[in-house]
N, C-alpha and C. Protein backbone atom coordinates (compact mmCIF):
# COMPACT_ATOMS: atom_id res chain seq x y z
N MET A 1 -23.85 66.57 61.57
CA MET A 1 -22.93 66.16 60.54
C MET A 1 -22.98 64.63 60.42
N SER A 2 -23.05 64.15 59.20
CA SER A 2 -23.19 62.72 58.94
C SER A 2 -21.83 62.02 58.99
N LEU A 3 -21.79 60.89 59.66
CA LEU A 3 -20.57 60.09 59.71
C LEU A 3 -20.63 59.10 58.54
N THR A 4 -19.92 59.41 57.48
CA THR A 4 -19.96 58.59 56.28
C THR A 4 -18.56 58.15 55.86
N ALA A 5 -17.72 57.98 56.86
CA ALA A 5 -16.37 57.48 56.61
C ALA A 5 -15.98 56.63 57.81
N ILE A 6 -14.93 55.85 57.61
CA ILE A 6 -14.35 55.14 58.75
C ILE A 6 -12.93 55.66 58.91
N CYS A 7 -12.56 55.88 60.15
CA CYS A 7 -11.20 56.30 60.47
C CYS A 7 -10.41 55.08 60.89
N LEU A 8 -9.24 54.93 60.29
CA LEU A 8 -8.31 53.87 60.64
C LEU A 8 -7.18 54.55 61.38
N MET A 9 -7.00 54.21 62.66
CA MET A 9 -6.04 54.93 63.49
C MET A 9 -5.02 53.98 64.11
N ALA A 10 -3.75 54.33 63.92
CA ALA A 10 -2.64 53.57 64.51
C ALA A 10 -1.58 54.57 64.92
N GLY A 11 -1.26 54.59 66.20
CA GLY A 11 -0.31 55.58 66.69
C GLY A 11 -0.82 56.98 66.39
N ALA A 12 0.01 57.81 65.80
CA ALA A 12 -0.36 59.19 65.46
C ALA A 12 -0.99 59.29 64.08
N LEU A 13 -1.09 58.18 63.35
CA LEU A 13 -1.59 58.19 61.99
C LEU A 13 -3.09 57.91 61.95
N THR A 14 -3.84 58.74 61.23
CA THR A 14 -5.27 58.50 60.98
C THR A 14 -5.52 58.59 59.49
N VAL A 15 -6.19 57.57 58.94
CA VAL A 15 -6.56 57.55 57.54
C VAL A 15 -8.08 57.46 57.48
N LYS A 16 -8.70 58.38 56.72
CA LYS A 16 -10.15 58.37 56.55
C LYS A 16 -10.50 57.70 55.23
N VAL A 17 -11.44 56.76 55.30
CA VAL A 17 -11.88 56.03 54.12
C VAL A 17 -13.39 56.26 53.97
N PRO A 18 -13.84 56.90 52.88
CA PRO A 18 -15.27 57.13 52.70
C PRO A 18 -16.01 55.79 52.61
N ALA A 19 -17.04 55.63 53.43
CA ALA A 19 -17.82 54.39 53.42
C ALA A 19 -18.99 54.52 54.38
N THR A 20 -20.08 53.87 54.06
CA THR A 20 -21.20 53.75 54.99
C THR A 20 -21.33 52.30 55.47
N HIS A 21 -20.61 51.41 54.78
CA HIS A 21 -20.57 50.00 55.15
C HIS A 21 -19.24 49.43 54.66
N PHE A 22 -18.81 48.35 55.29
CA PHE A 22 -17.56 47.71 54.89
C PHE A 22 -17.52 46.29 55.42
N THR A 23 -16.61 45.52 54.87
CA THR A 23 -16.35 44.16 55.34
C THR A 23 -14.90 44.09 55.78
N LEU A 24 -14.69 43.49 56.93
CA LEU A 24 -13.36 43.27 57.47
C LEU A 24 -13.06 41.78 57.31
N VAL A 25 -11.93 41.45 56.67
CA VAL A 25 -11.57 40.06 56.40
C VAL A 25 -10.20 39.78 56.99
N TRP A 26 -10.05 38.61 57.60
CA TRP A 26 -8.73 38.18 58.07
C TRP A 26 -8.61 36.68 57.94
N ARG A 27 -7.38 36.21 57.93
CA ARG A 27 -7.08 34.79 57.80
C ARG A 27 -6.61 34.26 59.14
N HIS A 28 -7.21 33.16 59.56
CA HIS A 28 -6.83 32.53 60.82
C HIS A 28 -5.38 32.06 60.73
N SER A 29 -4.58 32.39 61.73
CA SER A 29 -3.15 32.10 61.66
C SER A 29 -2.81 30.61 61.69
N ILE A 30 -3.67 29.79 62.27
CA ILE A 30 -3.39 28.36 62.34
C ILE A 30 -4.17 27.58 61.28
N GLU A 31 -5.47 27.83 61.21
CA GLU A 31 -6.32 27.09 60.28
C GLU A 31 -6.17 27.52 58.82
N LYS A 32 -5.66 28.76 58.60
CA LYS A 32 -5.48 29.30 57.25
C LYS A 32 -6.80 29.39 56.48
N ILE A 33 -7.87 29.75 57.19
CA ILE A 33 -9.16 29.97 56.54
C ILE A 33 -9.62 31.40 56.85
N ASP A 34 -10.42 31.95 55.94
CA ASP A 34 -10.87 33.32 56.10
C ASP A 34 -12.08 33.43 57.01
N TRP A 35 -12.12 34.56 57.68
CA TRP A 35 -13.24 34.97 58.52
C TRP A 35 -13.55 36.38 58.08
N SER A 36 -14.81 36.75 57.98
CA SER A 36 -15.14 38.13 57.62
C SER A 36 -16.36 38.59 58.40
N GLU A 37 -16.43 39.91 58.56
CA GLU A 37 -17.55 40.54 59.26
C GLU A 37 -18.01 41.75 58.45
N ASP A 38 -19.31 41.86 58.27
CA ASP A 38 -19.92 42.98 57.54
C ASP A 38 -20.43 44.00 58.54
N TYR A 39 -19.98 45.25 58.39
CA TYR A 39 -20.37 46.34 59.28
C TYR A 39 -21.10 47.43 58.52
N VAL A 40 -22.01 48.09 59.22
CA VAL A 40 -22.75 49.24 58.70
C VAL A 40 -22.62 50.36 59.72
N ILE A 41 -22.38 51.59 59.24
CA ILE A 41 -22.33 52.73 60.16
C ILE A 41 -23.76 53.12 60.50
N LYS A 42 -24.06 53.17 61.79
CA LYS A 42 -25.37 53.60 62.30
C LYS A 42 -25.12 54.72 63.28
N GLY A 43 -25.34 55.97 62.83
CA GLY A 43 -25.04 57.12 63.67
C GLY A 43 -23.54 57.20 63.88
N ASP A 44 -23.12 57.20 65.14
CA ASP A 44 -21.68 57.25 65.43
C ASP A 44 -21.15 55.90 65.91
N LYS A 45 -21.87 54.83 65.55
CA LYS A 45 -21.50 53.48 65.98
C LYS A 45 -21.41 52.54 64.79
N LEU A 46 -20.88 51.36 65.04
CA LEU A 46 -20.80 50.30 64.04
C LEU A 46 -21.77 49.18 64.38
N PHE A 47 -22.51 48.72 63.39
CA PHE A 47 -23.44 47.61 63.55
C PHE A 47 -22.86 46.41 62.82
N LEU A 48 -22.64 45.32 63.57
CA LEU A 48 -22.15 44.08 62.96
C LEU A 48 -23.36 43.35 62.37
N LYS A 49 -23.49 43.45 61.05
CA LYS A 49 -24.65 42.91 60.33
C LYS A 49 -24.58 41.39 60.16
N ALA A 50 -23.40 40.89 59.79
CA ALA A 50 -23.25 39.45 59.56
C ALA A 50 -21.78 39.07 59.66
N ALA A 51 -21.55 37.80 59.95
CA ALA A 51 -20.19 37.25 59.98
C ALA A 51 -20.17 35.99 59.12
N HIS A 52 -19.00 35.72 58.55
CA HIS A 52 -18.85 34.57 57.64
C HIS A 52 -17.55 33.86 57.97
N VAL A 53 -17.58 32.55 57.96
CA VAL A 53 -16.37 31.77 58.21
C VAL A 53 -16.34 30.61 57.22
N GLN A 54 -15.14 30.28 56.71
CA GLN A 54 -15.00 29.23 55.71
C GLN A 54 -15.06 27.83 56.28
N GLY A 55 -14.83 27.67 57.55
CA GLY A 55 -14.83 26.33 58.12
C GLY A 55 -14.76 26.42 59.62
N ASP A 56 -14.35 25.33 60.24
CA ASP A 56 -14.26 25.35 61.69
C ASP A 56 -12.91 24.81 62.14
N GLY A 57 -12.68 24.93 63.42
CA GLY A 57 -11.43 24.44 64.00
C GLY A 57 -10.71 25.56 64.73
N ALA A 58 -9.97 25.24 65.76
CA ALA A 58 -9.15 26.18 66.52
C ALA A 58 -9.93 27.42 66.94
N GLY A 59 -11.11 27.19 67.50
CA GLY A 59 -11.90 28.31 68.01
C GLY A 59 -12.70 29.06 66.98
N MET A 60 -12.87 28.49 65.80
CA MET A 60 -13.61 29.18 64.73
C MET A 60 -14.90 28.45 64.36
N GLU A 61 -15.48 27.75 65.29
CA GLU A 61 -16.68 27.00 64.99
C GLU A 61 -17.85 27.94 64.73
N PRO A 62 -18.56 27.74 63.62
CA PRO A 62 -19.75 28.56 63.37
C PRO A 62 -20.81 28.28 64.43
N PRO A 63 -21.55 29.29 64.88
CA PRO A 63 -22.60 29.07 65.86
C PRO A 63 -23.72 28.17 65.30
N PRO A 64 -24.54 27.61 66.18
CA PRO A 64 -25.60 26.70 65.74
C PRO A 64 -26.59 27.31 64.74
N ASP A 65 -26.80 28.63 64.77
CA ASP A 65 -27.77 29.25 63.86
C ASP A 65 -27.15 29.65 62.52
N SER A 66 -25.92 29.21 62.24
CA SER A 66 -25.25 29.53 60.98
C SER A 66 -25.90 28.82 59.82
N VAL A 67 -25.82 29.43 58.66
CA VAL A 67 -26.35 28.85 57.43
C VAL A 67 -25.19 28.67 56.46
N PHE A 68 -25.09 27.48 55.86
CA PHE A 68 -24.00 27.20 54.94
C PHE A 68 -24.39 27.61 53.53
N ASP A 69 -23.50 28.35 52.86
CA ASP A 69 -23.68 28.75 51.47
C ASP A 69 -22.75 27.86 50.64
N PRO A 70 -23.30 26.85 49.95
CA PRO A 70 -22.45 25.92 49.21
C PRO A 70 -21.75 26.56 48.00
N VAL A 71 -22.30 27.64 47.47
CA VAL A 71 -21.70 28.31 46.32
C VAL A 71 -20.38 28.98 46.73
N ASN A 72 -20.40 29.70 47.84
CA ASN A 72 -19.21 30.41 48.30
C ASN A 72 -18.44 29.66 49.38
N ALA A 73 -18.97 28.55 49.85
CA ALA A 73 -18.35 27.70 50.87
C ALA A 73 -18.10 28.45 52.18
N TYR A 74 -19.07 29.24 52.61
CA TYR A 74 -19.00 29.98 53.86
C TYR A 74 -20.19 29.64 54.74
N TRP A 75 -19.97 29.66 56.04
CA TRP A 75 -21.03 29.64 57.01
C TRP A 75 -21.32 31.10 57.35
N THR A 76 -22.58 31.50 57.35
CA THR A 76 -22.96 32.88 57.67
C THR A 76 -23.88 32.88 58.88
N TYR A 77 -23.68 33.87 59.74
CA TYR A 77 -24.57 34.03 60.90
C TYR A 77 -24.67 35.51 61.23
N HIS A 78 -25.59 35.83 62.11
CA HIS A 78 -25.88 37.21 62.48
C HIS A 78 -25.69 37.38 63.99
N PRO A 79 -24.50 37.84 64.40
CA PRO A 79 -24.21 38.01 65.83
C PRO A 79 -25.19 39.01 66.47
N LYS A 80 -25.56 38.74 67.67
CA LYS A 80 -26.46 39.62 68.42
C LYS A 80 -25.62 40.49 69.36
N LEU A 81 -24.99 41.50 68.82
CA LEU A 81 -24.14 42.40 69.59
C LEU A 81 -24.75 43.79 69.63
N PRO A 82 -24.47 44.55 70.67
CA PRO A 82 -24.91 45.95 70.68
C PRO A 82 -24.10 46.74 69.64
N LEU A 83 -24.55 47.95 69.34
CA LEU A 83 -23.77 48.82 68.47
C LEU A 83 -22.42 49.07 69.11
N LEU A 84 -21.38 49.11 68.31
CA LEU A 84 -20.01 49.24 68.80
C LEU A 84 -19.46 50.62 68.50
N PRO A 85 -18.81 51.28 69.46
CA PRO A 85 -18.23 52.59 69.18
C PRO A 85 -16.99 52.48 68.28
N GLU A 86 -16.29 51.35 68.35
CA GLU A 86 -15.07 51.18 67.56
C GLU A 86 -14.65 49.71 67.59
N LEU A 87 -13.74 49.38 66.69
CA LEU A 87 -13.11 48.07 66.67
C LEU A 87 -11.63 48.27 66.98
N ASN A 88 -11.08 47.41 67.80
CA ASN A 88 -9.65 47.46 68.10
C ASN A 88 -9.03 46.17 67.59
N LEU A 89 -8.16 46.30 66.60
CA LEU A 89 -7.58 45.14 65.92
C LEU A 89 -6.10 44.99 66.28
N ALA A 90 -5.72 43.81 66.69
CA ALA A 90 -4.30 43.50 66.93
C ALA A 90 -3.70 43.07 65.60
N ARG A 91 -2.52 43.56 65.30
CA ARG A 91 -1.86 43.24 64.03
C ARG A 91 -0.45 42.74 64.32
N SER A 92 0.07 41.94 63.39
CA SER A 92 1.39 41.36 63.58
C SER A 92 2.09 41.24 62.23
N HIS A 93 3.40 41.32 62.26
CA HIS A 93 4.21 41.09 61.06
C HIS A 93 4.25 39.59 60.72
N PHE A 94 3.81 38.74 61.65
CA PHE A 94 3.93 37.30 61.48
C PHE A 94 2.69 36.63 60.89
N THR A 95 1.62 37.42 60.68
CA THR A 95 0.39 36.87 60.08
C THR A 95 -0.06 37.80 58.97
N GLN A 96 -0.91 37.26 58.10
CA GLN A 96 -1.48 38.09 57.04
C GLN A 96 -2.32 39.19 57.68
N ASP A 97 -2.21 40.40 57.17
CA ASP A 97 -2.93 41.53 57.74
C ASP A 97 -4.41 41.48 57.38
N TYR A 98 -5.19 42.24 58.10
CA TYR A 98 -6.60 42.40 57.80
C TYR A 98 -6.75 43.00 56.41
N ARG A 99 -7.92 42.73 55.80
CA ARG A 99 -8.27 43.38 54.53
C ARG A 99 -9.55 44.16 54.76
N LEU A 100 -9.62 45.32 54.19
CA LEU A 100 -10.80 46.17 54.26
C LEU A 100 -11.46 46.12 52.89
N CYS A 101 -12.73 45.70 52.86
CA CYS A 101 -13.45 45.57 51.59
C CYS A 101 -14.63 46.53 51.58
N ILE A 102 -14.69 47.31 50.51
CA ILE A 102 -15.80 48.25 50.32
C ILE A 102 -16.32 48.05 48.91
N ASP A 103 -17.61 47.74 48.82
CA ASP A 103 -18.25 47.49 47.53
C ASP A 103 -17.49 46.46 46.69
N GLY A 104 -17.03 45.40 47.35
CA GLY A 104 -16.38 44.29 46.66
C GLY A 104 -14.90 44.49 46.36
N LYS A 105 -14.35 45.66 46.64
CA LYS A 105 -12.92 45.90 46.40
C LYS A 105 -12.18 45.82 47.74
N CYS A 106 -11.23 44.90 47.83
CA CYS A 106 -10.51 44.68 49.08
C CYS A 106 -9.09 45.23 49.01
N THR A 107 -8.65 45.83 50.12
CA THR A 107 -7.32 46.40 50.23
C THR A 107 -6.72 45.94 51.55
N SER A 108 -5.45 45.55 51.51
CA SER A 108 -4.76 45.20 52.75
C SER A 108 -4.70 46.42 53.64
N MET A 109 -4.97 46.23 54.93
CA MET A 109 -4.86 47.34 55.88
C MET A 109 -3.45 47.91 55.86
N ASN A 110 -2.46 47.07 55.63
CA ASN A 110 -1.08 47.53 55.60
C ASN A 110 -0.85 48.54 54.48
N ASP A 111 -1.61 48.44 53.39
CA ASP A 111 -1.51 49.41 52.31
C ASP A 111 -2.14 50.75 52.70
N LEU A 112 -3.07 50.72 53.63
CA LEU A 112 -3.75 51.94 54.09
C LEU A 112 -3.05 52.54 55.31
N VAL A 113 -2.74 51.67 56.27
CA VAL A 113 -2.08 52.09 57.51
C VAL A 113 -0.99 51.05 57.80
N PRO A 114 0.25 51.39 57.50
CA PRO A 114 1.33 50.41 57.70
C PRO A 114 1.41 49.92 59.15
N ILE A 115 1.69 48.63 59.30
CA ILE A 115 1.81 48.05 60.63
C ILE A 115 2.87 48.80 61.43
N ALA A 116 3.88 49.32 60.75
CA ALA A 116 4.95 50.05 61.43
C ALA A 116 4.41 51.28 62.17
N ALA A 117 3.22 51.78 61.78
CA ALA A 117 2.63 52.95 62.45
C ALA A 117 2.16 52.60 63.86
N GLY A 118 1.93 51.33 64.13
CA GLY A 118 1.49 50.89 65.45
C GLY A 118 0.96 49.48 65.36
N GLY A 119 1.19 48.68 66.39
CA GLY A 119 0.78 47.29 66.37
C GLY A 119 -0.71 47.10 66.39
N SER A 120 -1.44 48.03 66.97
CA SER A 120 -2.89 47.89 66.99
C SER A 120 -3.51 48.94 66.07
N LEU A 121 -4.73 48.67 65.67
CA LEU A 121 -5.44 49.55 64.74
C LEU A 121 -6.86 49.74 65.28
N THR A 122 -7.30 50.98 65.33
CA THR A 122 -8.68 51.29 65.74
C THR A 122 -9.45 51.68 64.49
N VAL A 123 -10.66 51.11 64.37
CA VAL A 123 -11.56 51.43 63.27
C VAL A 123 -12.82 52.01 63.88
N LYS A 124 -13.21 53.22 63.44
CA LYS A 124 -14.42 53.83 63.99
C LYS A 124 -15.04 54.78 62.98
N PRO A 125 -16.35 55.02 63.11
CA PRO A 125 -17.00 55.97 62.21
C PRO A 125 -16.46 57.38 62.44
N CYS A 126 -16.41 58.16 61.34
CA CYS A 126 -15.97 59.55 61.46
C CYS A 126 -16.52 60.35 60.28
N THR A 127 -16.26 61.64 60.27
CA THR A 127 -16.68 62.48 59.17
C THR A 127 -15.63 62.41 58.07
N PRO A 128 -16.06 62.51 56.82
CA PRO A 128 -15.09 62.43 55.71
C PRO A 128 -14.09 63.57 55.72
């Protein structure tokens, strides 16, 4: 069976979102700049294809192999990580929530899985 969705899980709540790839975007709580990561489902794991950051500061320095895109004002790099079984995201009422982007359309995670369902959120490949 093909895993062509991502499951967003918080507490007892699970929401399935059809996708074979997605971008996760969040805003740094101090620097107020965006960071994003592009993921692709590979089998039952997640592959981090690329990461993008708008600037540096407070632990957000782009790695030395980053390339700057002057049109979009982002530094892009390709992390060398193994395939990941899941992502575990910490969420708070005091910061802007993560956004899930699929094919250029972004939705606040809170609109998909309310923070009230649980402070942490697990993202992993699943069947639709």
